[in-house]
Amino acid sequence: KIARVRYLKFLWGIVLLQGVVRGQRDRSECRKYHDAATCIQSSWRRSRTQMQYVMLRLAIVKIQTSIREAKIHACFSRKIDMVVNLQRVVRGIMERRRLMRRREAVRRVQCSWRGALARANYKRCR
């Protein structure tokens, strides 16, 4: 009976030792899988964050472009308005000068005609 108890203790010690070794091996293997999963998650998060950064940057550039285009358009519109006003003023000046020349021409024709009529009338009265 004593031999059997020794044998069972020995067997229990071997089983316990096997359990410790297997547990250590399994924990080591689990740690490897955990480290691999952590590496994959880290890579995925980095990739996702980089993509979000690129998308955000593109959105910001698009907004900046739109604002700059709006400013340029407003400046261009003001310049167009100034040019149109300048053309209006110049055309008005040119039209007034043309009208003054016509009035002067009409006045000369009327003066010549009245002079001719007055001379003709003077000759008749004489």
N, C-alpha and C. Protein backbone atom coordinates (compact mmCIF):
# COMPACT_ATOMS: atom_id res chain seq x y z
N LYS A 1 0.81 -1.17 0.00
CA LYS A 1 0.00 0.00 0.00
C LYS A 1 0.87 1.26 0.00
N ILE A 2 1.95 1.24 0.70
CA ILE A 2 2.84 2.38 0.74
C ILE A 2 3.42 2.62 -0.64
N ALA A 3 3.73 1.58 -1.33
CA ALA A 3 4.26 1.71 -2.68
C ALA A 3 3.21 2.34 -3.60
N ARG A 4 1.99 1.92 -3.35
CA ARG A 4 0.92 2.51 -4.19
C ARG A 4 0.78 3.99 -3.90
N VAL A 5 0.85 4.44 -2.67
CA VAL A 5 0.73 5.84 -2.32
C VAL A 5 1.89 6.61 -2.93
N ARG A 6 3.10 6.01 -2.83
CA ARG A 6 4.26 6.66 -3.45
C ARG A 6 4.07 6.78 -4.95
N TYR A 7 3.59 5.70 -5.53
CA TYR A 7 3.35 5.71 -6.98
C TYR A 7 2.33 6.78 -7.35
N LEU A 8 1.27 6.89 -6.59
CA LEU A 8 0.23 7.89 -6.89
C LEU A 8 0.77 9.31 -6.70
N LYS A 9 1.61 9.51 -5.65
CA LYS A 9 2.21 10.82 -5.44
C LYS A 9 3.14 11.15 -6.60
N PHE A 10 3.93 10.12 -6.99
CA PHE A 10 4.85 10.31 -8.12
C PHE A 10 4.05 10.64 -9.38
N LEU A 11 2.99 9.89 -9.63
CA LEU A 11 2.14 10.10 -10.80
C LEU A 11 1.51 11.50 -10.73
N TRP A 12 1.02 11.88 -9.54
CA TRP A 12 0.42 13.19 -9.37
C TRP A 12 1.45 14.29 -9.62
N GLY A 13 2.69 14.08 -9.20
CA GLY A 13 3.77 15.03 -9.44
C GLY A 13 4.06 15.16 -10.93
N ILE A 14 4.07 14.03 -11.63
CA ILE A 14 4.31 14.05 -13.07
C ILE A 14 3.17 14.77 -13.78
N VAL A 15 1.93 14.48 -13.41
CA VAL A 15 0.76 15.13 -14.02
C VAL A 15 0.83 16.63 -13.76
N LEU A 16 1.18 17.00 -12.52
CA LEU A 16 1.28 18.41 -12.17
C LEU A 16 2.38 19.08 -13.00
N LEU A 17 3.51 18.42 -13.11
CA LEU A 17 4.62 18.95 -13.90
C LEU A 17 4.21 19.09 -15.37
N GLN A 18 3.54 18.09 -15.92
CA GLN A 18 3.06 18.17 -17.30
C GLN A 18 2.08 19.34 -17.47
N GLY A 19 1.22 19.53 -16.47
CA GLY A 19 0.27 20.65 -16.53
C GLY A 19 0.98 21.98 -16.55
N VAL A 20 2.02 22.11 -15.70
CA VAL A 20 2.77 23.36 -15.67
C VAL A 20 3.45 23.60 -17.00
N VAL A 21 4.11 22.57 -17.55
CA VAL A 21 4.82 22.72 -18.82
C VAL A 21 3.85 23.04 -19.95
N ARG A 22 2.73 22.30 -20.01
CA ARG A 22 1.75 22.56 -21.06
C ARG A 22 1.14 23.96 -20.91
N GLY A 23 0.86 24.38 -19.69
CA GLY A 23 0.31 25.71 -19.45
C GLY A 23 1.29 26.79 -19.90
N GLN A 24 2.56 26.57 -19.56
CA GLN A 24 3.57 27.55 -19.97
C GLN A 24 3.67 27.60 -21.50
N ARG A 25 3.67 26.42 -22.13
CA ARG A 25 3.74 26.37 -23.59
C ARG A 25 2.52 27.04 -24.22
N ASP A 26 1.34 26.75 -23.69
CA ASP A 26 0.11 27.35 -24.23
C ASP A 26 0.09 28.87 -24.03
N ARG A 27 0.56 29.33 -22.83
CA ARG A 27 0.60 30.76 -22.59
C ARG A 27 1.60 31.44 -23.53
N SER A 28 2.71 30.77 -23.79
CA SER A 28 3.71 31.32 -24.71
C SER A 28 3.12 31.43 -26.12
N GLU A 29 2.43 30.38 -26.54
CA GLU A 29 1.80 30.39 -27.87
C GLU A 29 0.70 31.45 -27.93
N CYS A 30 -0.07 31.56 -26.85
CA CYS A 30 -1.13 32.56 -26.79
C CYS A 30 -0.53 33.97 -26.84
N ARG A 31 0.61 34.18 -26.16
CA ARG A 31 1.27 35.47 -26.17
C ARG A 31 1.72 35.81 -27.60
N LYS A 32 2.20 34.80 -28.35
CA LYS A 32 2.62 35.04 -29.74
C LYS A 32 1.42 35.48 -30.58
N TYR A 33 0.29 34.79 -30.41
CA TYR A 33 -0.91 35.18 -31.15
C TYR A 33 -1.39 36.58 -30.73
N HIS A 34 -1.31 36.85 -29.44
CA HIS A 34 -1.71 38.16 -28.94
C HIS A 34 -0.81 39.26 -29.52
N ASP A 35 0.48 39.01 -29.54
CA ASP A 35 1.42 39.99 -30.12
C ASP A 35 1.15 40.18 -31.61
N ALA A 36 0.87 39.09 -32.32
CA ALA A 36 0.57 39.19 -33.75
C ALA A 36 -0.72 39.99 -33.97
N ALA A 37 -1.73 39.73 -33.15
CA ALA A 37 -2.99 40.46 -33.27
C ALA A 37 -2.78 41.94 -32.96
N THR A 38 -1.95 42.24 -31.95
CA THR A 38 -1.66 43.63 -31.60
C THR A 38 -0.95 44.32 -32.76
N CYS A 39 -0.02 43.62 -33.40
CA CYS A 39 0.69 44.20 -34.55
C CYS A 39 -0.27 44.47 -35.71
N ILE A 40 -1.16 43.52 -35.97
CA ILE A 40 -2.14 43.70 -37.06
C ILE A 40 -3.07 44.87 -36.74
N GLN A 41 -3.56 44.95 -35.50
CA GLN A 41 -4.45 46.04 -35.11
C GLN A 41 -3.74 47.39 -35.21
N SER A 42 -2.49 47.42 -34.79
CA SER A 42 -1.72 48.65 -34.87
C SER A 42 -1.56 49.10 -36.32
N SER A 43 -1.24 48.16 -37.19
CA SER A 43 -1.10 48.50 -38.61
C SER A 43 -2.41 48.99 -39.19
N TRP A 44 -3.50 48.32 -38.83
CA TRP A 44 -4.81 48.72 -39.33
C TRP A 44 -5.19 50.12 -38.84
N ARG A 45 -4.98 50.38 -37.56
CA ARG A 45 -5.31 51.70 -37.02
C ARG A 45 -4.46 52.79 -37.66
N ARG A 46 -3.17 52.50 -37.87
CA ARG A 46 -2.29 53.48 -38.51
C ARG A 46 -2.77 53.75 -39.94
N SER A 47 -3.11 52.69 -40.66
CA SER A 47 -3.59 52.85 -42.03
C SER A 47 -4.88 53.67 -42.06
N ARG A 48 -5.80 53.35 -41.15
CA ARG A 48 -7.08 54.06 -41.10
C ARG A 48 -6.87 55.53 -40.74
N THR A 49 -5.98 55.78 -39.79
CA THR A 49 -5.70 57.16 -39.38
C THR A 49 -5.05 57.94 -40.51
N GLN A 50 -4.14 57.31 -41.23
CA GLN A 50 -3.51 57.99 -42.37
C GLN A 50 -4.55 58.31 -43.43
N MET A 51 -5.45 57.39 -43.69
CA MET A 51 -6.50 57.63 -44.69
C MET A 51 -7.40 58.78 -44.25
N GLN A 52 -7.76 58.82 -42.96
CA GLN A 52 -8.58 59.91 -42.46
C GLN A 52 -7.85 61.24 -42.60
N TYR A 53 -6.54 61.23 -42.33
CA TYR A 53 -5.74 62.44 -42.47
C TYR A 53 -5.73 62.92 -43.91
N VAL A 54 -5.53 61.99 -44.84
CA VAL A 54 -5.50 62.36 -46.27
C VAL A 54 -6.85 62.92 -46.69
N MET A 55 -7.93 62.29 -46.26
CA MET A 55 -9.27 62.76 -46.63
C MET A 55 -9.54 64.14 -46.03
N LEU A 56 -9.14 64.34 -44.78
CA LEU A 56 -9.33 65.63 -44.13
C LEU A 56 -8.51 66.71 -44.84
N ARG A 57 -7.29 66.37 -45.19
CA ARG A 57 -6.44 67.34 -45.88
C ARG A 57 -7.03 67.71 -47.24
N LEU A 58 -7.53 66.72 -47.98
CA LEU A 58 -8.16 67.00 -49.27
C LEU A 58 -9.38 67.90 -49.09
N ALA A 59 -10.16 67.64 -48.06
CA ALA A 59 -11.35 68.48 -47.80
C ALA A 59 -10.92 69.91 -47.49
N ILE A 60 -9.88 70.07 -46.69
CA ILE A 60 -9.40 71.41 -46.34
C ILE A 60 -8.89 72.13 -47.57
N VAL A 61 -8.14 71.42 -48.41
CA VAL A 61 -7.61 72.03 -49.64
C VAL A 61 -8.77 72.45 -50.55
N LYS A 62 -9.80 71.63 -50.62
CA LYS A 62 -10.95 71.97 -51.46
C LYS A 62 -11.66 73.21 -50.93
N ILE A 63 -11.82 73.30 -49.62
CA ILE A 63 -12.45 74.49 -49.02
C ILE A 63 -11.60 75.73 -49.28
N GLN A 64 -10.28 75.60 -49.10
CA GLN A 64 -9.40 76.74 -49.34
C GLN A 64 -9.47 77.17 -50.80
N THR A 65 -9.52 76.21 -51.71
CA THR A 65 -9.61 76.52 -53.14
C THR A 65 -10.91 77.27 -53.44
N SER A 66 -12.00 76.80 -52.85
CA SER A 66 -13.29 77.47 -53.07
C SER A 66 -13.26 78.90 -52.56
N ILE A 67 -12.68 79.10 -51.38
CA ILE A 67 -12.62 80.45 -50.81
C ILE A 67 -11.75 81.35 -51.69
N ARG A 68 -10.61 80.84 -52.12
CA ARG A 68 -9.73 81.64 -52.98
C ARG A 68 -10.41 81.97 -54.30
N GLU A 69 -11.13 81.00 -54.87
CA GLU A 69 -11.85 81.26 -56.12
C GLU A 69 -12.91 82.34 -55.92
N ALA A 70 -13.60 82.28 -54.78
CA ALA A 70 -14.63 83.28 -54.49
C ALA A 70 -14.01 84.67 -54.36
N LYS A 71 -12.86 84.75 -53.68
CA LYS A 71 -12.18 86.05 -53.54
C LYS A 71 -11.74 86.57 -54.90
N ILE A 72 -11.16 85.69 -55.72
CA ILE A 72 -10.69 86.11 -57.05
C ILE A 72 -11.88 86.55 -57.90
N HIS A 73 -12.99 85.80 -57.81
CA HIS A 73 -14.18 86.16 -58.59
C HIS A 73 -14.72 87.52 -58.16
N ALA A 74 -14.75 87.76 -56.85
CA ALA A 74 -15.24 89.05 -56.35
C ALA A 74 -14.34 90.18 -56.83
N CYS A 75 -13.02 89.98 -56.75
CA CYS A 75 -12.07 91.00 -57.21
C CYS A 75 -12.24 91.23 -58.71
N PHE A 76 -12.38 90.14 -59.47
CA PHE A 76 -12.56 90.26 -60.91
C PHE A 76 -13.86 90.99 -61.23
N SER A 77 -14.91 90.69 -60.49
CA SER A 77 -16.21 91.36 -60.71
C SER A 77 -16.09 92.86 -60.45
N ARG A 78 -15.37 93.23 -59.38
CA ARG A 78 -15.18 94.65 -59.10
C ARG A 78 -14.41 95.32 -60.23
N LYS A 79 -13.39 94.65 -60.75
CA LYS A 79 -12.61 95.23 -61.84
C LYS A 79 -13.46 95.37 -63.10
N ILE A 80 -14.28 94.37 -63.38
CA ILE A 80 -15.19 94.44 -64.54
C ILE A 80 -16.14 95.62 -64.37
N ASP A 81 -16.69 95.78 -63.17
CA ASP A 81 -17.60 96.91 -62.92
C ASP A 81 -16.88 98.24 -63.13
N MET A 82 -15.64 98.33 -62.68
CA MET A 82 -14.88 99.57 -62.86
C MET A 82 -14.64 99.84 -64.34
N VAL A 83 -14.31 98.80 -65.10
CA VAL A 83 -14.07 98.97 -66.53
C VAL A 83 -15.35 99.40 -67.24
N VAL A 84 -16.47 98.78 -66.87
CA VAL A 84 -17.76 99.13 -67.48
C VAL A 84 -18.10 100.59 -67.17
N ASN A 85 -17.88 101.03 -65.94
CA ASN A 85 -18.14 102.42 -65.57
C ASN A 85 -17.23 103.37 -66.35
N LEU A 86 -15.97 103.00 -66.47
CA LEU A 86 -15.03 103.83 -67.24
C LEU A 86 -15.47 103.92 -68.70
N GLN A 87 -15.87 102.80 -69.28
CA GLN A 87 -16.36 102.83 -70.66
C GLN A 87 -17.58 103.72 -70.78
N ARG A 88 -18.49 103.66 -69.81
CA ARG A 88 -19.70 104.48 -69.84
C ARG A 88 -19.33 105.96 -69.82
N VAL A 89 -18.38 106.32 -68.95
CA VAL A 89 -17.97 107.73 -68.86
C VAL A 89 -17.32 108.18 -70.16
N VAL A 90 -16.42 107.37 -70.71
CA VAL A 90 -15.72 107.74 -71.94
C VAL A 90 -16.70 107.85 -73.11
N ARG A 91 -17.64 106.91 -73.20
CA ARG A 91 -18.63 106.97 -74.27
C ARG A 91 -19.51 108.22 -74.13
N GLY A 92 -19.84 108.57 -72.89
CA GLY A 92 -20.63 109.79 -72.67
C GLY A 92 -19.86 111.02 -73.12
N ILE A 93 -18.57 111.10 -72.78
CA ILE A 93 -17.74 112.24 -73.21
C ILE A 93 -17.66 112.29 -74.72
N MET A 94 -17.43 111.14 -75.36
CA MET A 94 -17.33 111.12 -76.83
C MET A 94 -18.65 111.54 -77.48
N GLU A 95 -19.76 111.08 -76.93
CA GLU A 95 -21.07 111.43 -77.50
C GLU A 95 -21.34 112.93 -77.34
N ARG A 96 -20.99 113.49 -76.18
CA ARG A 96 -21.18 114.94 -76.00
C ARG A 96 -20.32 115.73 -76.98
N ARG A 97 -19.08 115.30 -77.20
CA ARG A 97 -18.22 116.00 -78.16
C ARG A 97 -18.80 115.91 -79.57
N ARG A 98 -19.29 114.72 -79.95
CA ARG A 98 -19.89 114.55 -81.27
C ARG A 98 -21.11 115.45 -81.42
N LEU A 99 -21.92 115.50 -80.37
CA LEU A 99 -23.11 116.34 -80.39
C LEU A 99 -22.72 117.83 -80.50
N MET A 100 -21.68 118.24 -79.79
CA MET A 100 -21.23 119.64 -79.87
C MET A 100 -20.73 119.96 -81.28
N ARG A 101 -20.02 119.02 -81.92
CA ARG A 101 -19.55 119.25 -83.30
C ARG A 101 -20.74 119.36 -84.26
N ARG A 102 -21.75 118.53 -84.06
CA ARG A 102 -22.93 118.62 -84.93
C ARG A 102 -23.65 119.95 -84.73
N ARG A 103 -23.79 120.36 -83.48
CA ARG A 103 -24.45 121.64 -83.22
C ARG A 103 -23.67 122.79 -83.87
N GLU A 104 -22.34 122.71 -83.76
CA GLU A 104 -21.51 123.74 -84.38
C GLU A 104 -21.68 123.72 -85.89
N ALA A 105 -21.75 122.51 -86.49
CA ALA A 105 -21.95 122.42 -87.93
C ALA A 105 -23.32 122.97 -88.32
N VAL A 106 -24.35 122.63 -87.54
CA VAL A 106 -25.70 123.15 -87.81
C VAL A 106 -25.71 124.66 -87.68
N ARG A 107 -25.04 125.19 -86.64
CA ARG A 107 -24.98 126.63 -86.45
C ARG A 107 -24.31 127.30 -87.64
N ARG A 108 -23.23 126.72 -88.17
CA ARG A 108 -22.54 127.32 -89.32
C ARG A 108 -23.42 127.28 -90.57
N VAL A 109 -24.11 126.13 -90.74
CA VAL A 109 -25.00 126.05 -91.91
C VAL A 109 -26.11 127.10 -91.77
N GLN A 110 -26.70 127.19 -90.58
CA GLN A 110 -27.75 128.19 -90.38
C GLN A 110 -27.21 129.61 -90.57
N CYS A 111 -26.01 129.87 -90.09
CA CYS A 111 -25.40 131.20 -90.23
C CYS A 111 -25.19 131.52 -91.71
N SER A 112 -24.65 130.52 -92.43
CA SER A 112 -24.42 130.74 -93.87
C SER A 112 -25.74 130.95 -94.60
N TRP A 113 -26.73 130.16 -94.28
CA TRP A 113 -28.03 130.27 -94.93
C TRP A 113 -28.69 131.60 -94.62
N ARG A 114 -28.65 132.02 -93.37
CA ARG A 114 -29.24 133.31 -93.01
C ARG A 114 -28.48 134.46 -93.69
N GLY A 115 -27.15 134.31 -93.76
CA GLY A 115 -26.36 135.34 -94.46
C GLY A 115 -26.75 135.41 -95.93
N ALA A 116 -26.91 134.23 -96.56
CA ALA A 116 -27.30 134.21 -97.97
C ALA A 116 -28.69 134.81 -98.14
N LEU A 117 -29.62 134.48 -97.26
CA LEU A 117 -30.97 135.04 -97.33
C LEU A 117 -30.94 136.56 -97.12
N ALA A 118 -30.13 136.98 -96.16
CA ALA A 118 -30.05 138.42 -95.88
C ALA A 118 -29.45 139.14 -97.09
N ARG A 119 -28.44 138.58 -97.73
CA ARG A 119 -27.85 139.23 -98.91
C ARG A 119 -28.86 139.26 -100.06
N ALA A 120 -29.56 138.13 -100.23
CA ALA A 120 -30.56 138.11 -101.29
C ALA A 120 -31.67 139.11 -101.02
N ASN A 121 -32.10 139.22 -99.80
CA ASN A 121 -33.14 140.16 -99.42
C ASN A 121 -32.66 141.60 -99.56
N TYR A 122 -31.42 141.83 -99.25
CA TYR A 122 -30.83 143.15 -99.37
C TYR A 122 -30.78 143.58 -100.86
N LYS A 123 -30.39 142.63 -101.73
CA LYS A 123 -30.33 142.94 -103.14
C LYS A 123 -31.73 143.23 -103.68
N ARG A 124 -32.74 142.52 -103.23
CA ARG A 124 -34.08 142.75 -103.69
C ARG A 124 -34.62 144.13 -103.23
N CYS A 125 -34.27 144.45 -102.02
CA CYS A 125 -34.76 145.73 -101.47
C CYS A 125 -34.05 146.88 -102.12
N ARG A 126 -33.00 146.77 -102.63
CA ARG A 126 -32.24 147.85 -103.23
C ARG A 126 -32.79 148.24 -104.52
